Amino acid sequence: MTDLSIEHGILRAACVQNCATPQWEDNLRDVARLIDAAHSDGAMLVALPEYFSGLETDGARIKPVAFAEATHPVLAALVETARDRSLWLLLGSLGIKDADGRVFNRSYLISPDGRVAARYDKIHMFDVDLGEGKSYRESETIAPGATAMVADTPWGGLGLSICYDLRFPALYREMARAGADILAIPAAFTRTSGEAHWHTLVRARAIETGSFVLAPCQFGTLDGGAECFGHSLIVDPWGEVLGDGGTDAGYVIADLNVAKVAKTRTRLPSLLHDRAFTLGVVSRAQAAE
């Protein structure tokens, strides 16, 4: 991170893409290598996917590797990485055990001084039937959060979200109104829904809020058979895809000129144009009268 980049509002950001196993040590080694490669490529902020440190599925149940926050080995290791490399790190999410026995799907923003700058617990639970006998029930193993989060960075506000949150546009609209210039959407999006919706939804969140979007996503087949889509994306406020990670391990990197956020929102000021309305519903019987 350089003073010049901050002064001119240019953020070189990277999204790392991995396929997590249930062995957190292996996953940590893999993402640490990719973080270092992105840092060597000039990245000042590196974003990791949802559950990058360990994930498996058991039928309909999603089972992340989870530890208490105070003793989480991956969190501790990456706090040191951020400090050693003077780097902003977005830990897409970790499984975090609470004192009362619940597990949260929690995102962390780590500052270059090794400080936890923000935490966010995923609000929307992925409880779906995908057809062909496939279903996922995140709420069986994960407790939902209740608070949206916008964190301050040298380049502007960073709105935090995770995976299934992507399908709830009001969340992103409110974060943009609260000062988010960049939206983070780390994910382990399934291949089935990813092929149909991932690019469209990520671009839509960028377009409708006039924000940059960083969307690192896991790829490949997890233990238990679930498949992740990959295609980590970096998208600009006009909806242009600046980087697509494809379906292999690696990272995508792009320069974000954050001044483009204000220009886009001036050109299309829809965040200022909401109007109150009432909803009328006409039944078929009424329509036939």
C-alpha atoms as a PDB file:
ATOM      1  CA  MET A   1       0.000   0.000   0.000  1.00  0.00           C
ATOM      2  CA  THR A   2       1.425   3.345  -1.019  1.00  0.00           C
ATOM      3  CA  ASP A   3       0.507   6.906  -0.069  1.00  0.00           C
ATOM      4  CA  LEU A   4       0.197   7.706  -3.778  1.00  0.00           C
ATOM      5  CA  SER A   5      -2.436   5.020  -4.291  1.00  0.00           C
ATOM      6  CA  ILE A   6      -4.491   6.322  -1.381  1.00  0.00           C
ATOM      7  CA  GLU A   7      -4.103   9.941  -2.483  1.00  0.00           C
ATOM      8  CA  HIS A   8      -5.407   9.119  -5.960  1.00  0.00           C
ATOM      9  CA  GLY A   9      -8.094   6.706  -4.755  1.00  0.00           C
ATOM     10  CA  ILE A  10      -6.673   3.736  -6.641  1.00  0.00           C
ATOM     11  CA  LEU A  11      -7.027   0.375  -4.945  1.00  0.00           C
ATOM     12  CA  ARG A  12      -5.339  -2.663  -6.453  1.00  0.00           C
ATOM     13  CA  ALA A  13      -7.516  -5.473  -5.135  1.00  0.00           C
ATOM     14  CA  ALA A  14      -7.367  -9.231  -5.606  1.00  0.00           C
ATOM     15  CA  CYS A  15      -9.811 -12.086  -5.112  1.00  0.00           C
ATOM     16  CA  VAL A  16      -8.329 -15.460  -4.185  1.00  0.00           C
ATOM     17  CA  GLN A  17     -10.042 -18.647  -5.356  1.00  0.00           C
ATOM     18  CA  ASN A  18      -9.519 -22.032  -3.651  1.00  0.00           C
ATOM     19  CA  CYS A  19     -11.261 -25.370  -3.151  1.00  0.00           C
ATOM     20  CA  ALA A  20     -11.319 -26.018   0.593  1.00  0.00           C
ATOM     21  CA  THR A  21     -10.868 -29.434   2.155  1.00  0.00           C
ATOM     22  CA  PRO A  22     -11.771 -30.306   5.768  1.00  0.00           C
ATOM     23  CA  GLN A  23      -8.058 -29.925   6.693  1.00  0.00           C
ATOM     24  CA  TRP A  24      -7.557 -26.302   7.720  1.00  0.00           C
ATOM     25  CA  GLU A  25      -3.748 -26.587   7.697  1.00  0.00           C
ATOM     26  CA  ASP A  26      -3.745 -27.505   4.003  1.00  0.00           C
ATOM     27  CA  ASN A  27      -6.185 -24.752   3.136  1.00  0.00           C
ATOM     28  CA  LEU A  28      -4.198 -22.158   5.068  1.00  0.00           C
ATOM     29  CA  ARG A  29      -1.017 -23.144   3.241  1.00  0.00           C
ATOM     30  CA  ASP A  30      -2.758 -22.880  -0.141  1.00  0.00           C
ATOM     31  CA  VAL A  31      -4.366 -19.479   0.448  1.00  0.00           C
ATOM     32  CA  ALA A  32      -1.190 -18.092   2.056  1.00  0.00           C
ATOM     33  CA  ARG A  33       0.681 -18.907  -1.156  1.00  0.00           C
ATOM     34  CA  LEU A  34      -1.979 -17.138  -3.230  1.00  0.00           C
ATOM     35  CA  ILE A  35      -2.027 -14.128  -0.879  1.00  0.00           C
ATOM     36  CA  ASP A  36       1.724 -13.778  -1.289  1.00  0.00           C
ATOM     37  CA  ALA A  37       1.440 -14.057  -5.075  1.00  0.00           C
ATOM     38  CA  ALA A  38      -1.265 -11.370  -5.194  1.00  0.00           C
ATOM     39  CA  HIS A  39       0.740  -9.164  -2.831  1.00  0.00           C
ATOM     40  CA  SER A  40       3.791  -9.545  -5.077  1.00  0.00           C
ATOM     41  CA  ASP A  41       1.537  -8.456  -7.944  1.00  0.00           C
ATOM     42  CA  GLY A  42       0.827  -5.214  -6.102  1.00  0.00           C
ATOM     43  CA  ALA A  43      -2.429  -6.043  -4.331  1.00  0.00           C
ATOM     44  CA  MET A  44      -3.200  -3.771  -1.384  1.00  0.00           C
ATOM     45  CA  LEU A  45      -6.391  -5.618  -0.413  1.00  0.00           C
ATOM     46  CA  VAL A  46      -6.824  -9.375  -0.866  1.00  0.00           C
ATOM     47  CA  ALA A  47     -10.260 -10.982  -0.438  1.00  0.00           C
ATOM     48  CA  LEU A  48     -10.731 -14.701   0.319  1.00  0.00           C
ATOM     49  CA  PRO A  49     -13.859 -16.829  -0.289  1.00  0.00           C
ATOM     50  CA  GLU A  50     -16.511 -17.999   2.140  1.00  0.00           C
ATOM     51  CA  TYR A  51     -15.253 -20.865   4.349  1.00  0.00           C
ATOM     52  CA  PHE A  52     -11.884 -20.841   2.575  1.00  0.00           C
ATOM     53  CA  SER A  53     -10.251 -22.468   5.629  1.00  0.00           C
ATOM     54  CA  GLY A  54     -12.349 -25.632   5.663  1.00  0.00           C
ATOM     55  CA  LEU A  55     -15.686 -26.940   4.428  1.00  0.00           C
ATOM     56  CA  GLU A  56     -17.492 -30.171   3.742  1.00  0.00           C
ATOM     57  CA  THR A  57     -21.091 -31.178   3.123  1.00  0.00           C
ATOM     58  CA  ASP A  58     -23.061 -34.044   4.644  1.00  0.00           C
ATOM     59  CA  GLY A  59     -26.205 -34.506   2.625  1.00  0.00           C
ATOM     60  CA  ALA A  60     -28.193 -31.306   3.149  1.00  0.00           C
ATOM     61  CA  ARG A  61     -25.938 -30.078   5.956  1.00  0.00           C
ATOM     62  CA  ILE A  62     -23.146 -27.549   5.491  1.00  0.00           C
ATOM     63  CA  LYS A  63     -20.236 -28.303   7.841  1.00  0.00           C
ATOM     64  CA  PRO A  64     -17.489 -25.686   8.066  1.00  0.00           C
ATOM     65  CA  VAL A  65     -14.305 -26.110  10.068  1.00  0.00           C
ATOM     66  CA  ALA A  66     -15.022 -24.051  13.196  1.00  0.00           C
ATOM     67  CA  PHE A  67     -13.148 -22.786  16.247  1.00  0.00           C
ATOM     68  CA  ALA A  68     -13.790 -20.182  18.919  1.00  0.00           C
ATOM     69  CA  GLU A  69     -12.626 -16.771  17.738  1.00  0.00           C
ATOM     70  CA  ALA A  70     -10.058 -16.403  20.518  1.00  0.00           C
ATOM     71  CA  THR A  71      -8.336 -19.666  19.556  1.00  0.00           C
ATOM     72  CA  HIS A  72      -8.960 -19.804  15.801  1.00  0.00           C
ATOM     73  CA  PRO A  73      -5.623 -20.837  14.236  1.00  0.00           C
ATOM     74  CA  VAL A  74      -6.457 -19.488  10.773  1.00  0.00           C
ATOM     75  CA  LEU A  75      -7.555 -16.101  12.092  1.00  0.00           C
ATOM     76  CA  ALA A  76      -4.384 -15.807  14.162  1.00  0.00           C
ATOM     77  CA  ALA A  77      -2.150 -16.807  11.241  1.00  0.00           C
ATOM     78  CA  LEU A  78      -3.734 -14.363   8.788  1.00  0.00           C
ATOM     79  CA  VAL A  79      -3.665 -11.498  11.271  1.00  0.00           C
ATOM     80  CA  GLU A  80       0.101 -12.036  11.291  1.00  0.00           C
ATOM     81  CA  THR A  81       0.140 -12.215   7.486  1.00  0.00           C
ATOM     82  CA  ALA A  82      -1.660  -8.877   7.202  1.00  0.00           C
ATOM     83  CA  ARG A  83       0.757  -7.278   9.661  1.00  0.00           C
ATOM     84  CA  ASP A  84       3.899  -8.767   8.125  1.00  0.00           C
ATOM     85  CA  ARG A  85       2.959  -7.675   4.601  1.00  0.00           C
ATOM     86  CA  SER A  86       1.230  -4.393   5.526  1.00  0.00           C
ATOM     87  CA  LEU A  87      -1.822  -5.676   3.691  1.00  0.00           C
ATOM     88  CA  TRP A  88      -5.595  -5.406   4.039  1.00  0.00           C
ATOM     89  CA  LEU A  89      -7.138  -8.890   4.158  1.00  0.00           C
ATOM     90  CA  LEU A  90     -10.800  -9.779   3.860  1.00  0.00           C
ATOM     91  CA  LEU A  91     -11.294 -13.251   5.342  1.00  0.00           C
ATOM     92  CA  GLY A  92     -14.417 -14.112   3.351  1.00  0.00           C
ATOM     93  CA  SER A  93     -15.680 -16.176   6.225  1.00  0.00           C
ATOM     94  CA  LEU A  94     -14.620 -18.542   8.983  1.00  0.00           C
ATOM     95  CA  GLY A  95     -16.708 -20.922  11.052  1.00  0.00           C
ATOM     96  CA  ILE A  96     -16.794 -19.383  14.538  1.00  0.00           C
ATOM     97  CA  LYS A  97     -18.001 -21.261  17.626  1.00  0.00           C
ATOM     98  CA  ASP A  98     -19.849 -19.094  20.125  1.00  0.00           C
ATOM     99  CA  ALA A  99     -19.767 -19.679  23.885  1.00  0.00           C
ATOM    100  CA  ASP A 100     -23.389 -20.855  23.805  1.00  0.00           C
ATOM    101  CA  GLY A 101     -22.613 -23.594  21.279  1.00  0.00           C
ATOM    102  CA  ARG A 102     -23.832 -21.862  18.152  1.00  0.00           C
ATOM    103  CA  VAL A 103     -21.644 -21.524  15.043  1.00  0.00           C
ATOM    104  CA  PHE A 104     -21.563 -18.305  13.006  1.00  0.00           C
ATOM    105  CA  ASN A 105     -20.517 -17.780   9.397  1.00  0.00           C
ATOM    106  CA  ARG A 106     -18.303 -14.749  10.093  1.00  0.00           C
ATOM    107  CA  SER A 107     -16.340 -12.439   7.805  1.00  0.00           C
ATOM    108  CA  TYR A 108     -13.311 -10.484   9.066  1.00  0.00           C
ATOM    109  CA  LEU A 109     -11.619  -7.413   7.666  1.00  0.00           C
ATOM    110  CA  ILE A 110      -8.008  -7.285   8.884  1.00  0.00           C
ATOM    111  CA  SER A 111      -6.049  -4.024   8.654  1.00  0.00           C
ATOM    112  CA  PRO A 112      -2.315  -3.782   7.790  1.00  0.00           C
ATOM    113  CA  ASP A 113      -1.461  -3.311  11.464  1.00  0.00           C
ATOM    114  CA  GLY A 114      -3.000  -6.694  12.290  1.00  0.00           C
ATOM    115  CA  ARG A 115      -6.170  -5.259  13.794  1.00  0.00           C
ATOM    116  CA  VAL A 116      -9.632  -6.748  13.243  1.00  0.00           C
ATOM    117  CA  ALA A 117     -11.196  -3.690  11.605  1.00  0.00           C
ATOM    118  CA  ALA A 118     -14.665  -5.245  11.194  1.00  0.00           C
ATOM    119  CA  ARG A 119     -16.669  -8.421  11.724  1.00  0.00           C
ATOM    120  CA  TYR A 120     -19.849  -9.492   9.961  1.00  0.00           C
ATOM    121  CA  ASP A 121     -22.065 -12.527  10.654  1.00  0.00           C
ATOM    122  CA  LYS A 122     -23.976 -13.745   7.610  1.00  0.00           C
ATOM    123  CA  ILE A 123     -27.612 -12.682   7.871  1.00  0.00           C
ATOM    124  CA  HIS A 124     -29.434 -14.804   5.275  1.00  0.00           C
ATOM    125  CA  MET A 125     -29.375 -18.594   5.610  1.00  0.00           C
ATOM    126  CA  PHE A 126     -29.054 -20.816   2.536  1.00  0.00           C
ATOM    127  CA  ASP A 127     -31.944 -23.280   2.994  1.00  0.00           C
ATOM    128  CA  VAL A 128     -32.877 -24.477  -0.491  1.00  0.00           C
ATOM    129  CA  ASP A 129     -33.923 -27.449  -2.601  1.00  0.00           C
ATOM    130  CA  LEU A 130     -31.902 -27.503  -5.832  1.00  0.00           C
ATOM    131  CA  GLY A 131     -33.720 -30.384  -7.512  1.00  0.00           C
ATOM    132  CA  GLU A 132     -32.370 -33.825  -8.447  1.00  0.00           C
ATOM    133  CA  GLY A 133     -32.544 -34.743  -4.758  1.00  0.00           C
ATOM    134  CA  LYS A 134     -30.037 -32.041  -3.776  1.00  0.00           C
ATOM    135  CA  SER A 135     -30.722 -29.630  -0.938  1.00  0.00           C
ATOM    136  CA  TYR A 136     -28.804 -27.504   1.547  1.00  0.00           C
ATOM    137  CA  ARG A 137     -29.884 -26.453   5.041  1.00  0.00           C
ATOM    138  CA  GLU A 138     -27.421 -23.895   6.373  1.00  0.00           C
ATOM    139  CA  SER A 139     -29.705 -23.108   9.311  1.00  0.00           C
ATOM    140  CA  GLU A 140     -29.256 -26.658  10.656  1.00  0.00           C
ATOM    141  CA  THR A 141     -25.639 -25.913  11.567  1.00  0.00           C
ATOM    142  CA  ILE A 142     -25.240 -22.104  11.407  1.00  0.00           C
ATOM    143  CA  ALA A 143     -26.839 -19.270  13.402  1.00  0.00           C
ATOM    144  CA  PRO A 144     -27.796 -16.106  11.477  1.00  0.00           C
ATOM    145  CA  GLY A 145     -26.448 -12.654  12.200  1.00  0.00           C
ATOM    146  CA  ALA A 146     -28.631  -9.556  12.406  1.00  0.00           C
ATOM    147  CA  THR A 147     -26.384  -6.529  11.749  1.00  0.00           C
ATOM    148  CA  ALA A 148     -25.179  -5.223   8.388  1.00  0.00           C
ATOM    149  CA  MET A 149     -21.664  -3.756   8.352  1.00  0.00           C
ATOM    150  CA  VAL A 150     -19.842  -1.021   6.416  1.00  0.00           C
ATOM    151  CA  ALA A 151     -16.152  -0.682   7.338  1.00  0.00           C
ATOM    152  CA  ASP A 152     -13.942   2.337   6.692  1.00  0.00           C
ATOM    153  CA  THR A 153     -10.830   1.849   4.556  1.00  0.00           C
ATOM    154  CA  PRO A 154      -8.372   4.317   2.991  1.00  0.00           C
ATOM    155  CA  TRP A 155     -10.305   3.997  -0.286  1.00  0.00           C
ATOM    156  CA  GLY A 156     -13.827   4.403   1.104  1.00  0.00           C
ATOM    157  CA  GLY A 157     -16.491   2.292   2.757  1.00  0.00           C
ATOM    158  CA  LEU A 158     -16.438  -1.493   2.328  1.00  0.00           C
ATOM    159  CA  GLY A 159     -19.793  -3.227   2.718  1.00  0.00           C
ATOM    160  CA  LEU A 160     -19.555  -6.775   4.057  1.00  0.00           C
ATOM    161  CA  SER A 161     -21.805  -9.645   3.022  1.00  0.00           C
ATOM    162  CA  ILE A 162     -21.536 -13.387   2.388  1.00  0.00           C
ATOM    163  CA  CYS A 163     -22.787 -15.657  -0.414  1.00  0.00           C
ATOM    164  CA  TYR A 164     -26.601 -16.093  -0.161  1.00  0.00           C
ATOM    165  CA  ASP A 165     -26.884 -12.450   0.968  1.00  0.00           C
ATOM    166  CA  LEU A 166     -26.303 -11.720  -2.739  1.00  0.00           C
ATOM    167  CA  ARG A 167     -29.964 -12.490  -3.448  1.00  0.00           C
ATOM    168  CA  PHE A 168     -31.261  -9.724  -1.148  1.00  0.00           C
ATOM    169  CA  PRO A 169     -30.679  -6.415  -2.979  1.00  0.00           C
ATOM    170  CA  ALA A 170     -32.102  -4.213  -0.215  1.00  0.00           C
ATOM    171  CA  LEU A 171     -29.080  -5.119   1.950  1.00  0.00           C
ATOM    172  CA  TYR A 172     -26.655  -3.685  -0.621  1.00  0.00           C
ATOM    173  CA  ARG A 173     -28.781  -0.621  -1.282  1.00  0.00           C
ATOM    174  CA  GLU A 174     -28.740   0.238   2.418  1.00  0.00           C
ATOM    175  CA  MET A 175     -24.981  -0.323   2.667  1.00  0.00           C
ATOM    176  CA  ALA A 176     -24.404   1.949  -0.347  1.00  0.00           C
ATOM    177  CA  ARG A 177     -26.530   4.637   1.277  1.00  0.00           C
ATOM    178  CA  ALA A 178     -24.491   4.211   4.459  1.00  0.00           C
ATOM    179  CA  GLY A 179     -21.238   4.929   2.616  1.00  0.00           C
ATOM    180  CA  ALA A 180     -20.166   1.673   0.953  1.00  0.00           C
ATOM    181  CA  ASP A 181     -18.172   2.361  -2.220  1.00  0.00           C
ATOM    182  CA  ILE A 182     -17.054  -1.268  -2.514  1.00  0.00           C
ATOM    183  CA  LEU A 183     -19.196  -4.327  -1.799  1.00  0.00           C
ATOM    184  CA  ALA A 184     -17.627  -7.623  -0.716  1.00  0.00           C
ATOM    185  CA  ILE A 185     -19.517 -10.810  -1.588  1.00  0.00           C
ATOM    186  CA  PRO A 186     -17.297 -13.797  -0.700  1.00  0.00           C
ATOM    187  CA  ALA A 187     -19.023 -17.047  -1.544  1.00  0.00           C
ATOM    188  CA  ALA A 188     -19.026 -20.787  -1.980  1.00  0.00           C
ATOM    189  CA  PHE A 189     -21.796 -20.543  -4.597  1.00  0.00           C
ATOM    190  CA  THR A 190     -23.024 -23.895  -5.892  1.00  0.00           C
ATOM    191  CA  ARG A 191     -22.304 -24.838  -9.485  1.00  0.00           C
ATOM    192  CA  THR A 192     -25.993 -25.276 -10.350  1.00  0.00           C
ATOM    193  CA  SER A 193     -27.129 -21.852  -9.189  1.00  0.00           C
ATOM    194  CA  GLY A 194     -23.798 -20.291 -10.133  1.00  0.00           C
ATOM    195  CA  GLU A 195     -24.113 -21.262 -13.781  1.00  0.00           C
ATOM    196  CA  ALA A 196     -27.586 -19.736 -13.868  1.00  0.00           C
ATOM    197  CA  HIS A 197     -27.251 -16.644 -11.700  1.00  0.00           C
ATOM    198  CA  TRP A 198     -23.771 -15.760 -10.347  1.00  0.00           C
ATOM    199  CA  HIS A 199     -22.551 -13.335 -13.008  1.00  0.00           C
ATOM    200  CA  THR A 200     -25.971 -11.720 -13.392  1.00  0.00           C
ATOM    201  CA  LEU A 201     -26.520 -11.185  -9.674  1.00  0.00           C
ATOM    202  CA  VAL A 202     -23.015  -9.873  -8.927  1.00  0.00           C
ATOM    203  CA  ARG A 203     -23.200  -7.427 -11.826  1.00  0.00           C
ATOM    204  CA  ALA A 204     -26.711  -6.379 -10.764  1.00  0.00           C
ATOM    205  CA  ARG A 205     -25.551  -5.515  -7.235  1.00  0.00           C
ATOM    206  CA  ALA A 206     -22.792  -3.354  -8.755  1.00  0.00           C
ATOM    207  CA  ILE A 207     -25.107  -1.627 -11.227  1.00  0.00           C
ATOM    208  CA  GLU A 208     -28.022  -0.908  -8.908  1.00  0.00           C
ATOM    209  CA  THR A 209     -25.772   0.612  -6.210  1.00  0.00           C
ATOM    210  CA  GLY A 210     -23.068   2.157  -8.407  1.00  0.00           C
ATOM    211  CA  SER A 211     -20.409   0.278  -6.419  1.00  0.00           C
ATOM    212  CA  PHE A 212     -17.341  -1.826  -7.089  1.00  0.00           C
ATOM    213  CA  VAL A 213     -17.863  -5.476  -6.145  1.00  0.00           C
ATOM    214  CA  LEU A 214     -15.261  -7.978  -4.937  1.00  0.00           C
ATOM    215  CA  ALA A 215     -16.714 -11.496  -5.108  1.00  0.00           C
ATOM    216  CA  PRO A 216     -14.188 -14.268  -4.358  1.00  0.00           C
ATOM    217  CA  CYS A 217     -15.777 -17.701  -4.732  1.00  0.00           C
ATOM    218  CA  GLN A 218     -14.646 -21.252  -4.059  1.00  0.00           C
ATOM    219  CA  PHE A 219     -14.424 -23.671  -6.984  1.00  0.00           C
ATOM    220  CA  GLY A 220     -14.520 -27.440  -7.429  1.00  0.00           C
ATOM    221  CA  THR A 221     -15.970 -30.423  -5.591  1.00  0.00           C
ATOM    222  CA  LEU A 222     -16.045 -30.385  -1.793  1.00  0.00           C
ATOM    223  CA  ASP A 223     -15.823 -33.375   0.513  1.00  0.00           C
ATOM    224  CA  GLY A 224     -19.383 -34.715   0.561  1.00  0.00           C
ATOM    225  CA  GLY A 225     -19.954 -34.066  -3.135  1.00  0.00           C
ATOM    226  CA  ALA A 226     -21.192 -30.465  -3.281  1.00  0.00           C
ATOM    227  CA  GLU A 227     -19.777 -28.472  -6.186  1.00  0.00           C
ATOM    228  CA  CYS A 228     -18.724 -24.809  -6.054  1.00  0.00           C
ATOM    229  CA  PHE A 229     -18.891 -22.594  -9.124  1.00  0.00           C
ATOM    230  CA  GLY A 230     -15.678 -20.575  -8.948  1.00  0.00           C
ATOM    231  CA  HIS A 231     -15.561 -17.557 -11.294  1.00  0.00           C
ATOM    232  CA  SER A 232     -14.423 -15.093  -8.629  1.00  0.00           C
ATOM    233  CA  LEU A 233     -15.385 -11.659  -9.937  1.00  0.00           C
ATOM    234  CA  ILE A 234     -14.254  -8.061  -9.710  1.00  0.00           C
ATOM    235  CA  VAL A 235     -16.904  -5.736 -11.153  1.00  0.00           C
ATOM    236  CA  ASP A 236     -16.936  -1.965 -11.577  1.00  0.00           C
ATOM    237  CA  PRO A 237     -19.865   0.410 -10.802  1.00  0.00           C
ATOM    238  CA  TRP A 238     -21.081   0.313 -14.415  1.00  0.00           C
ATOM    239  CA  GLY A 239     -21.307  -3.483 -14.268  1.00  0.00           C
ATOM    240  CA  GLU A 240     -18.164  -4.205 -16.285  1.00  0.00           C
ATOM    241  CA  VAL A 241     -16.354  -7.393 -15.256  1.00  0.00           C
ATOM    242  CA  LEU A 242     -12.736  -6.439 -14.552  1.00  0.00           C
ATOM    243  CA  GLY A 243     -11.636  -9.966 -13.608  1.00  0.00           C
ATOM    244  CA  ASP A 244     -13.049 -13.517 -13.683  1.00  0.00           C
ATOM    245  CA  GLY A 245     -11.250 -16.330 -11.861  1.00  0.00           C
ATOM    246  CA  GLY A 246     -12.548 -19.167 -14.015  1.00  0.00           C
ATOM    247  CA  THR A 247     -12.633 -22.634 -12.443  1.00  0.00           C
ATOM    248  CA  ASP A 248      -9.102 -23.197 -11.119  1.00  0.00           C
ATOM    249  CA  ALA A 249      -7.093 -22.180  -8.068  1.00  0.00           C
ATOM    250  CA  GLY A 250      -5.550 -18.736  -8.318  1.00  0.00           C
ATOM    251  CA  TYR A 251      -6.481 -15.091  -8.012  1.00  0.00           C
ATOM    252  CA  VAL A 252      -7.843 -12.227 -10.093  1.00  0.00           C
ATOM    253  CA  ILE A 253      -6.565  -8.685  -9.656  1.00  0.00           C
ATOM    254  CA  ALA A 254      -7.703  -5.256 -10.838  1.00  0.00           C
ATOM    255  CA  ASP A 255      -7.159  -1.562 -10.174  1.00  0.00           C
ATOM    256  CA  LEU A 256     -10.242   0.096  -8.683  1.00  0.00           C
ATOM    257  CA  ASN A 257     -10.482   3.849  -9.274  1.00  0.00           C
ATOM    258  CA  VAL A 258     -12.884   4.615  -6.460  1.00  0.00           C
ATOM    259  CA  ALA A 259     -13.659   8.070  -7.908  1.00  0.00           C
ATOM    260  CA  LYS A 260     -15.723   6.187 -10.481  1.00  0.00           C
ATOM    261  CA  VAL A 261     -18.289   5.417  -7.750  1.00  0.00           C
ATOM    262  CA  ALA A 262     -19.276   9.072  -7.295  1.00  0.00           C
ATOM    263  CA  LYS A 263     -19.277   9.672 -11.050  1.00  0.00           C
ATOM    264  CA  THR A 264     -21.534   6.677 -11.653  1.00  0.00           C
ATOM    265  CA  ARG A 265     -23.942   7.602  -8.884  1.00  0.00           C
ATOM    266  CA  THR A 266     -24.167  11.149 -10.247  1.00  0.00           C
ATOM    267  CA  ARG A 267     -24.881   9.828 -13.713  1.00  0.00           C
ATOM    268  CA  LEU A 268     -27.508   7.373 -12.412  1.00  0.00           C
ATOM    269  CA  PRO A 269     -28.675   8.731  -9.016  1.00  0.00           C
ATOM    270  CA  SER A 270     -31.215   5.982  -8.281  1.00  0.00           C
ATOM    271  CA  LEU A 271     -30.067   5.751  -4.642  1.00  0.00           C
ATOM    272  CA  LEU A 272     -31.670   9.196  -4.186  1.00  0.00           C
ATOM    273  CA  HIS A 273     -34.913   8.499  -6.010  1.00  0.00           C
ATOM    274  CA  ASP A 274     -36.839   6.083  -3.783  1.00  0.00           C
ATOM    275  CA  ARG A 275     -40.469   7.029  -3.288  1.00  0.00           C
ATOM    276  CA  ALA A 276     -42.962   5.758  -0.724  1.00  0.00           C
ATOM    277  CA  PHE A 277     -45.741   3.650  -2.201  1.00  0.00           C
ATOM    278  CA  THR A 278     -48.646   1.460  -1.225  1.00  0.00           C
ATOM    279  CA  LEU A 279     -49.290  -1.966  -2.702  1.00  0.00           C
ATOM    280  CA  GLY A 280     -52.583  -2.876  -4.302  1.00  0.00           C
ATOM    281  CA  VAL A 281     -53.475  -6.513  -4.940  1.00  0.00           C
ATOM    282  CA  VAL A 282     -56.347  -7.394  -7.254  1.00  0.00           C
ATOM    283  CA  SER A 283     -57.737 -10.918  -6.991  1.00  0.00           C
ATOM    284  CA  ARG A 284     -58.872 -12.833 -10.047  1.00  0.00           C
ATOM    285  CA  ALA A 285     -62.474 -12.579  -8.857  1.00  0.00           C
ATOM    286  CA  GLN A 286     -62.214  -8.802  -8.568  1.00  0.00           C
ATOM    287  CA  ALA A 287     -60.595  -8.554 -11.967  1.00  0.00           C
ATOM    288  CA  ALA A 288     -63.476 -10.501 -13.502  1.00  0.00           C
ATOM    289  CA  GLU A 289     -66.161  -8.133 -12.108  1.00  0.00           C
END
